[in-house]
Amino acid sequence: MLNYPLIAPPFDMKDFEEMNKGEAKQFFDWYISEIPSRLNVLEQLTQGKIELDFSPASLIHLFDWYLSVINLYKLSEEELEEIFQSWDGLPWFVYESEKESLLEHPYEIDQEDYALALDISIYFAETIRAHFPEVQWAYKTKPKSDAELNQPILLFETETIYYERNPRRLLLVIIEYIKKHDVTSKSLFDMFHQDGQLILGEDE
């Protein structure tokens, strides 16, 4: 996918766990302000082949399209060795587990395909919000141990319901399943319904 318009903040970007509260707010405000333009990029890329109307069914068509345009390729021996070397600082049991998993599914996708997935994650989030307007974009600055610290997330909370979703992390997880050839065109659609049950408190 050539000349993909990447999303990048117009300021120095730190790792989320290193941001202070002001930096987290700066990133969040910028991220939210970029949503309309990123959805427009997605509209242009799909070239009218998909009606991006925030319907659950559109998630099937969008993800099916994504699967058809990404470049899934097998890693070479040299690429595998570079990855293994980058893991030298990991505990041995983590290293061995990761190595075994990668050797079982030695696949990767292009960096632009990751970038496209981030825009799809925004569309997924806005589809959730279109059907469940009680869900809002938010970010958390504590506790420091929180896995989603300082990152834009979807959040809805009542006395009996707690829903939290990091859409970007969701797509990264799904990409790992793509590498394992363990997804279908309905994977994102199914996640929408799973999240819907959580939001409505019907997950039990």
C-alpha atoms as a PDB file:
ATOM      1  CA  MET A   1       0.000   0.000   0.000  1.00  0.00           C
ATOM      2  CA  LEU A   2       1.950   2.974  -1.295  1.00  0.00           C
ATOM      3  CA  ASN A   3       1.915   6.543   0.048  1.00  0.00           C
ATOM      4  CA  TYR A   4      -0.298   5.722   3.004  1.00  0.00           C
ATOM      5  CA  PRO A   5      -0.896   8.960   4.954  1.00  0.00           C
ATOM      6  CA  LEU A   6       0.455   8.061   8.381  1.00  0.00           C
ATOM      7  CA  ILE A   7      -0.831   9.515  11.622  1.00  0.00           C
ATOM      8  CA  ALA A   8       1.818  11.217  13.752  1.00  0.00           C
ATOM      9  CA  PRO A   9       1.569  13.964  16.381  1.00  0.00           C
ATOM     10  CA  PRO A  10       3.128  17.373  15.628  1.00  0.00           C
ATOM     11  CA  PHE A  11       5.137  17.200  18.862  1.00  0.00           C
ATOM     12  CA  ASP A  12       7.750  14.938  20.401  1.00  0.00           C
ATOM     13  CA  MET A  13       6.143  11.636  21.278  1.00  0.00           C
ATOM     14  CA  LYS A  14       7.135   9.786  24.435  1.00  0.00           C
ATOM     15  CA  ASP A  15       6.249   6.261  25.411  1.00  0.00           C
ATOM     16  CA  PHE A  16       2.893   6.374  27.192  1.00  0.00           C
ATOM     17  CA  GLU A  17       4.321   5.166  30.500  1.00  0.00           C
ATOM     18  CA  GLU A  18       6.813   8.062  30.466  1.00  0.00           C
ATOM     19  CA  MET A  19       4.259  10.841  29.902  1.00  0.00           C
ATOM     20  CA  ASN A  20       3.314  13.258  32.644  1.00  0.00           C
ATOM     21  CA  LYS A  21      -0.291  14.406  32.991  1.00  0.00           C
ATOM     22  CA  GLY A  22       0.169  17.418  30.733  1.00  0.00           C
ATOM     23  CA  GLU A  23       1.750  15.352  27.988  1.00  0.00           C
ATOM     24  CA  ALA A  24      -0.971  12.720  28.267  1.00  0.00           C
ATOM     25  CA  LYS A  25      -3.637  15.412  27.859  1.00  0.00           C
ATOM     26  CA  GLN A  26      -1.784  16.919  24.910  1.00  0.00           C
ATOM     27  CA  PHE A  27      -1.660  13.567  23.141  1.00  0.00           C
ATOM     28  CA  PHE A  28      -5.290  12.765  23.961  1.00  0.00           C
ATOM     29  CA  ASP A  29      -6.578  16.122  22.706  1.00  0.00           C
ATOM     30  CA  TRP A  30      -4.563  15.766  19.503  1.00  0.00           C
ATOM     31  CA  TYR A  31      -5.714  12.168  18.970  1.00  0.00           C
ATOM     32  CA  ILE A  32      -9.392  13.065  19.359  1.00  0.00           C
ATOM     33  CA  SER A  33      -9.013  16.053  17.031  1.00  0.00           C
ATOM     34  CA  GLU A  34      -7.576  13.748  14.356  1.00  0.00           C
ATOM     35  CA  ILE A  35     -10.517  11.318  14.320  1.00  0.00           C
ATOM     36  CA  PRO A  36     -12.505  13.044  11.513  1.00  0.00           C
ATOM     37  CA  SER A  37      -9.470  13.227   9.226  1.00  0.00           C
ATOM     38  CA  ARG A  38      -8.498   9.601   9.884  1.00  0.00           C
ATOM     39  CA  LEU A  39     -12.018   8.448   9.054  1.00  0.00           C
ATOM     40  CA  ASN A  40     -11.783  10.493   5.870  1.00  0.00           C
ATOM     41  CA  VAL A  41      -8.519   8.730   4.987  1.00  0.00           C
ATOM     42  CA  LEU A  42     -10.266   5.400   5.465  1.00  0.00           C
ATOM     43  CA  GLU A  43     -13.122   6.536   3.234  1.00  0.00           C
ATOM     44  CA  GLN A  44     -10.678   7.494   0.498  1.00  0.00           C
ATOM     45  CA  LEU A  45      -8.685   4.277   0.771  1.00  0.00           C
ATOM     46  CA  THR A  46     -11.723   2.041   0.436  1.00  0.00           C
ATOM     47  CA  GLN A  47     -12.719   4.021  -2.679  1.00  0.00           C
ATOM     48  CA  GLY A  48     -16.435   3.711  -2.073  1.00  0.00           C
ATOM     49  CA  LYS A  49     -16.286  -0.080  -2.007  1.00  0.00           C
ATOM     50  CA  ILE A  50     -17.536  -0.083   1.574  1.00  0.00           C
ATOM     51  CA  GLU A  51     -20.306   1.997   3.076  1.00  0.00           C
ATOM     52  CA  LEU A  52     -18.709   3.273   6.261  1.00  0.00           C
ATOM     53  CA  ASP A  53     -21.993   4.043   7.969  1.00  0.00           C
ATOM     54  CA  PHE A  54     -20.997   2.819  11.455  1.00  0.00           C
ATOM     55  CA  SER A  55     -23.286  -0.184  11.156  1.00  0.00           C
ATOM     56  CA  PRO A  56     -22.148  -3.485  12.689  1.00  0.00           C
ATOM     57  CA  ALA A  57     -22.256  -5.048   9.215  1.00  0.00           C
ATOM     58  CA  SER A  58     -19.795  -2.449   7.935  1.00  0.00           C
ATOM     59  CA  LEU A  59     -17.199  -3.935  10.290  1.00  0.00           C
ATOM     60  CA  ILE A  60     -17.423  -7.209   8.363  1.00  0.00           C
ATOM     61  CA  HIS A  61     -16.933  -5.509   5.001  1.00  0.00           C
ATOM     62  CA  LEU A  62     -14.141  -3.276   6.305  1.00  0.00           C
ATOM     63  CA  PHE A  63     -12.186  -6.083   7.923  1.00  0.00           C
ATOM     64  CA  ASP A  64     -12.670  -8.337   4.915  1.00  0.00           C
ATOM     65  CA  TRP A  65     -11.243  -5.540   2.770  1.00  0.00           C
ATOM     66  CA  TYR A  66      -8.321  -5.120   5.180  1.00  0.00           C
ATOM     67  CA  LEU A  67      -7.503  -8.816   4.951  1.00  0.00           C
ATOM     68  CA  SER A  68      -7.506  -8.533   1.166  1.00  0.00           C
ATOM     69  CA  VAL A  69      -5.083  -5.586   0.956  1.00  0.00           C
ATOM     70  CA  ILE A  70      -2.466  -6.300   3.614  1.00  0.00           C
ATOM     71  CA  ASN A  71       0.826  -7.938   2.759  1.00  0.00           C
ATOM     72  CA  LEU A  72       1.272 -10.989   4.974  1.00  0.00           C
ATOM     73  CA  TYR A  73       4.693 -12.481   4.365  1.00  0.00           C
ATOM     74  CA  LYS A  74       6.919 -15.170   5.832  1.00  0.00           C
ATOM     75  CA  LEU A  75       9.944 -13.957   7.758  1.00  0.00           C
ATOM     76  CA  SER A  76      13.361 -14.947   6.450  1.00  0.00           C
ATOM     77  CA  GLU A  77      15.962 -16.710   8.585  1.00  0.00           C
ATOM     78  CA  GLU A  78      17.872 -13.428   8.829  1.00  0.00           C
ATOM     79  CA  GLU A  79      14.778 -11.521   9.954  1.00  0.00           C
ATOM     80  CA  LEU A  80      13.996 -14.170  12.556  1.00  0.00           C
ATOM     81  CA  GLU A  81      17.531 -14.000  13.910  1.00  0.00           C
ATOM     82  CA  GLU A  82      17.304 -10.205  14.220  1.00  0.00           C
ATOM     83  CA  ILE A  83      14.091 -10.553  16.212  1.00  0.00           C
ATOM     84  CA  PHE A  84      15.592 -13.187  18.492  1.00  0.00           C
ATOM     85  CA  GLN A  85      18.597 -10.951  19.152  1.00  0.00           C
ATOM     86  CA  SER A  86      16.294  -8.057  20.057  1.00  0.00           C
ATOM     87  CA  TRP A  87      14.826 -10.264  22.802  1.00  0.00           C
ATOM     88  CA  ASP A  88      18.159 -10.891  24.533  1.00  0.00           C
ATOM     89  CA  GLY A  89      17.123  -8.904  27.602  1.00  0.00           C
ATOM     90  CA  LEU A  90      13.984 -10.965  28.233  1.00  0.00           C
ATOM     91  CA  PRO A  91      13.789 -13.574  31.005  1.00  0.00           C
ATOM     92  CA  TRP A  92      14.739 -16.944  29.531  1.00  0.00           C
ATOM     93  CA  PHE A  93      11.264 -18.451  29.963  1.00  0.00           C
ATOM     94  CA  VAL A  94       9.640 -15.487  28.197  1.00  0.00           C
ATOM     95  CA  TYR A  95      12.273 -15.656  25.465  1.00  0.00           C
ATOM     96  CA  GLU A  96      11.707 -19.364  24.878  1.00  0.00           C
ATOM     97  CA  SER A  97       7.930 -18.967  24.839  1.00  0.00           C
ATOM     98  CA  GLU A  98       8.053 -16.061  22.378  1.00  0.00           C
ATOM     99  CA  LYS A  99      10.584 -17.854  20.197  1.00  0.00           C
ATOM    100  CA  GLU A 100       8.502 -21.019  20.056  1.00  0.00           C
ATOM    101  CA  SER A 101       5.399 -19.022  19.131  1.00  0.00           C
ATOM    102  CA  LEU A 102       7.195 -17.077  16.400  1.00  0.00           C
ATOM    103  CA  LEU A 103       8.778 -20.182  14.891  1.00  0.00           C
ATOM    104  CA  GLU A 104       5.350 -21.783  14.770  1.00  0.00           C
ATOM    105  CA  HIS A 105       3.897 -18.756  12.955  1.00  0.00           C
ATOM    106  CA  PRO A 106       6.842 -16.867  11.363  1.00  0.00           C
ATOM    107  CA  TYR A 107       4.788 -14.200   9.622  1.00  0.00           C
ATOM    108  CA  GLU A 108       4.676 -10.419   9.571  1.00  0.00           C
ATOM    109  CA  ILE A 109       2.799  -7.617   7.833  1.00  0.00           C
ATOM    110  CA  ASP A 110       4.074  -4.321   6.414  1.00  0.00           C
ATOM    111  CA  GLN A 111       4.393  -1.280   8.658  1.00  0.00           C
ATOM    112  CA  GLU A 112       1.790   0.553   6.569  1.00  0.00           C
ATOM    113  CA  ASP A 113      -0.626  -2.286   7.309  1.00  0.00           C
ATOM    114  CA  TYR A 114      -0.144  -1.607  11.020  1.00  0.00           C
ATOM    115  CA  ALA A 115      -0.858   2.076  10.385  1.00  0.00           C
ATOM    116  CA  LEU A 116      -4.022   1.184   8.497  1.00  0.00           C
ATOM    117  CA  ALA A 117      -5.088  -1.027  11.400  1.00  0.00           C
ATOM    118  CA  LEU A 118      -4.843   1.977  13.723  1.00  0.00           C
ATOM    119  CA  ASP A 119      -7.303   3.882  11.533  1.00  0.00           C
ATOM    120  CA  ILE A 120      -9.598   0.865  11.506  1.00  0.00           C
ATOM    121  CA  SER A 121      -9.383   0.839  15.298  1.00  0.00           C
ATOM    122  CA  ILE A 122     -10.712   4.407  15.291  1.00  0.00           C
ATOM    123  CA  TYR A 123     -13.589   3.364  13.049  1.00  0.00           C
ATOM    124  CA  PHE A 124     -14.347   0.432  15.363  1.00  0.00           C
ATOM    125  CA  ALA A 125     -14.385   2.787  18.343  1.00  0.00           C
ATOM    126  CA  GLU A 126     -16.677   5.270  16.628  1.00  0.00           C
ATOM    127  CA  THR A 127     -19.000   2.426  15.627  1.00  0.00           C
ATOM    128  CA  ILE A 128     -19.205   1.422  19.282  1.00  0.00           C
ATOM    129  CA  ARG A 129     -19.974   5.022  20.240  1.00  0.00           C
ATOM    130  CA  ALA A 130     -22.586   5.371  17.489  1.00  0.00           C
ATOM    131  CA  HIS A 131     -24.566   2.498  18.999  1.00  0.00           C
ATOM    132  CA  PHE A 132     -23.701   3.119  22.643  1.00  0.00           C
ATOM    133  CA  PRO A 133     -23.458   6.916  23.090  1.00  0.00           C
ATOM    134  CA  GLU A 134     -22.892   6.449  26.810  1.00  0.00           C
ATOM    135  CA  VAL A 135     -19.385   5.247  25.937  1.00  0.00           C
ATOM    136  CA  GLN A 136     -16.842   8.070  25.839  1.00  0.00           C
ATOM    137  CA  TRP A 137     -13.231   8.540  24.830  1.00  0.00           C
ATOM    138  CA  ALA A 138     -11.071   8.878  27.928  1.00  0.00           C
ATOM    139  CA  TYR A 139      -7.590   8.296  29.297  1.00  0.00           C
ATOM    140  CA  LYS A 140      -6.213   7.334  32.706  1.00  0.00           C
ATOM    141  CA  THR A 141      -3.181   8.835  34.414  1.00  0.00           C
ATOM    142  CA  LYS A 142      -3.151   6.427  37.363  1.00  0.00           C
ATOM    143  CA  PRO A 143      -2.286   3.953  38.654  1.00  0.00           C
ATOM    144  CA  LYS A 144       1.126   3.966  37.001  1.00  0.00           C
ATOM    145  CA  SER A 145       0.913   0.187  36.674  1.00  0.00           C
ATOM    146  CA  ASP A 146      -2.207   0.380  34.475  1.00  0.00           C
ATOM    147  CA  ALA A 147      -1.657  -1.346  31.128  1.00  0.00           C
ATOM    148  CA  GLU A 148      -3.563   1.458  29.363  1.00  0.00           C
ATOM    149  CA  LEU A 149      -1.829   4.318  31.176  1.00  0.00           C
ATOM    150  CA  ASN A 150      -2.194   7.640  29.304  1.00  0.00           C
ATOM    151  CA  GLN A 151      -3.624   5.958  26.198  1.00  0.00           C
ATOM    152  CA  PRO A 152      -6.912   6.904  24.499  1.00  0.00           C
ATOM    153  CA  ILE A 153      -9.505   4.318  25.472  1.00  0.00           C
ATOM    154  CA  LEU A 154     -13.254   3.812  25.356  1.00  0.00           C
ATOM    155  CA  LEU A 155     -14.787   3.971  28.816  1.00  0.00           C
ATOM    156  CA  PHE A 156     -18.196   3.479  30.384  1.00  0.00           C
ATOM    157  CA  GLU A 157     -18.799   2.961  34.080  1.00  0.00           C
ATOM    158  CA  THR A 158     -21.817   2.611  36.353  1.00  0.00           C
ATOM    159  CA  GLU A 159     -22.306   1.011  39.758  1.00  0.00           C
ATOM    160  CA  THR A 160     -22.712  -2.386  38.103  1.00  0.00           C
ATOM    161  CA  ILE A 161     -20.970  -2.067  34.732  1.00  0.00           C
ATOM    162  CA  TYR A 162     -17.362  -1.353  33.849  1.00  0.00           C
ATOM    163  CA  TYR A 163     -16.390  -1.271  30.192  1.00  0.00           C
ATOM    164  CA  GLU A 164     -12.949  -0.320  28.984  1.00  0.00           C
ATOM    165  CA  ARG A 165     -11.455  -0.906  25.556  1.00  0.00           C
ATOM    166  CA  ASN A 166      -8.214   0.245  23.994  1.00  0.00           C
ATOM    167  CA  PRO A 167      -9.167   0.030  20.307  1.00  0.00           C
ATOM    168  CA  ARG A 168      -5.585   0.253  19.120  1.00  0.00           C
ATOM    169  CA  ARG A 169      -4.492  -2.612  21.336  1.00  0.00           C
ATOM    170  CA  LEU A 170      -7.477  -4.638  20.106  1.00  0.00           C
ATOM    171  CA  LEU A 171      -6.340  -4.323  16.492  1.00  0.00           C
ATOM    172  CA  LEU A 172      -2.772  -5.222  17.413  1.00  0.00           C
ATOM    173  CA  VAL A 173      -4.057  -8.376  19.089  1.00  0.00           C
ATOM    174  CA  ILE A 174      -6.142  -9.202  16.020  1.00  0.00           C
ATOM    175  CA  ILE A 175      -3.048  -8.728  13.846  1.00  0.00           C
ATOM    176  CA  GLU A 176      -1.322 -11.423  15.893  1.00  0.00           C
ATOM    177  CA  TYR A 177      -4.221 -13.735  15.035  1.00  0.00           C
ATOM    178  CA  ILE A 178      -3.855 -12.763  11.376  1.00  0.00           C
ATOM    179  CA  LYS A 179      -0.251 -13.944  11.521  1.00  0.00           C
ATOM    180  CA  LYS A 180      -1.531 -17.255  12.873  1.00  0.00           C
ATOM    181  CA  HIS A 181      -4.154 -17.479  10.110  1.00  0.00           C
ATOM    182  CA  ASP A 182      -6.788 -17.551  12.841  1.00  0.00           C
ATOM    183  CA  VAL A 183      -9.221 -14.806  11.822  1.00  0.00           C
ATOM    184  CA  THR A 184     -12.296 -14.451   9.649  1.00  0.00           C
ATOM    185  CA  SER A 185     -13.972 -11.440   8.084  1.00  0.00           C
ATOM    186  CA  LYS A 186     -16.313 -11.447  11.101  1.00  0.00           C
ATOM    187  CA  SER A 187     -13.601 -11.102  13.761  1.00  0.00           C
ATOM    188  CA  LEU A 188     -14.146  -7.366  14.284  1.00  0.00           C
ATOM    189  CA  PHE A 189     -17.922  -7.752  14.022  1.00  0.00           C
ATOM    190  CA  ASP A 190     -17.835 -10.443  16.703  1.00  0.00           C
ATOM    191  CA  MET A 191     -15.797  -8.185  18.968  1.00  0.00           C
ATOM    192  CA  PHE A 192     -18.374  -5.424  18.503  1.00  0.00           C
ATOM    193  CA  HIS A 193     -21.110  -7.722  19.786  1.00  0.00           C
ATOM    194  CA  GLN A 194     -18.940  -8.936  22.639  1.00  0.00           C
ATOM    195  CA  ASP A 195     -18.287  -5.353  23.689  1.00  0.00           C
ATOM    196  CA  GLY A 196     -21.964  -4.533  23.310  1.00  0.00           C
ATOM    197  CA  GLN A 197     -22.810  -7.227  25.833  1.00  0.00           C
ATOM    198  CA  LEU A 198     -20.235  -5.820  28.248  1.00  0.00           C
ATOM    199  CA  ILE A 199     -21.652  -2.309  27.886  1.00  0.00           C
ATOM    200  CA  LEU A 200     -25.189  -3.546  28.478  1.00  0.00           C
ATOM    201  CA  GLY A 201     -24.108  -5.734  31.375  1.00  0.00           C
ATOM    202  CA  GLU A 202     -25.208  -8.887  29.561  1.00  0.00           C
ATOM    203  CA  ASP A 203     -21.844 -10.654  29.508  1.00  0.00           C
ATOM    204  CA  GLU A 204     -22.653 -13.242  32.168  1.00  0.00           C
END
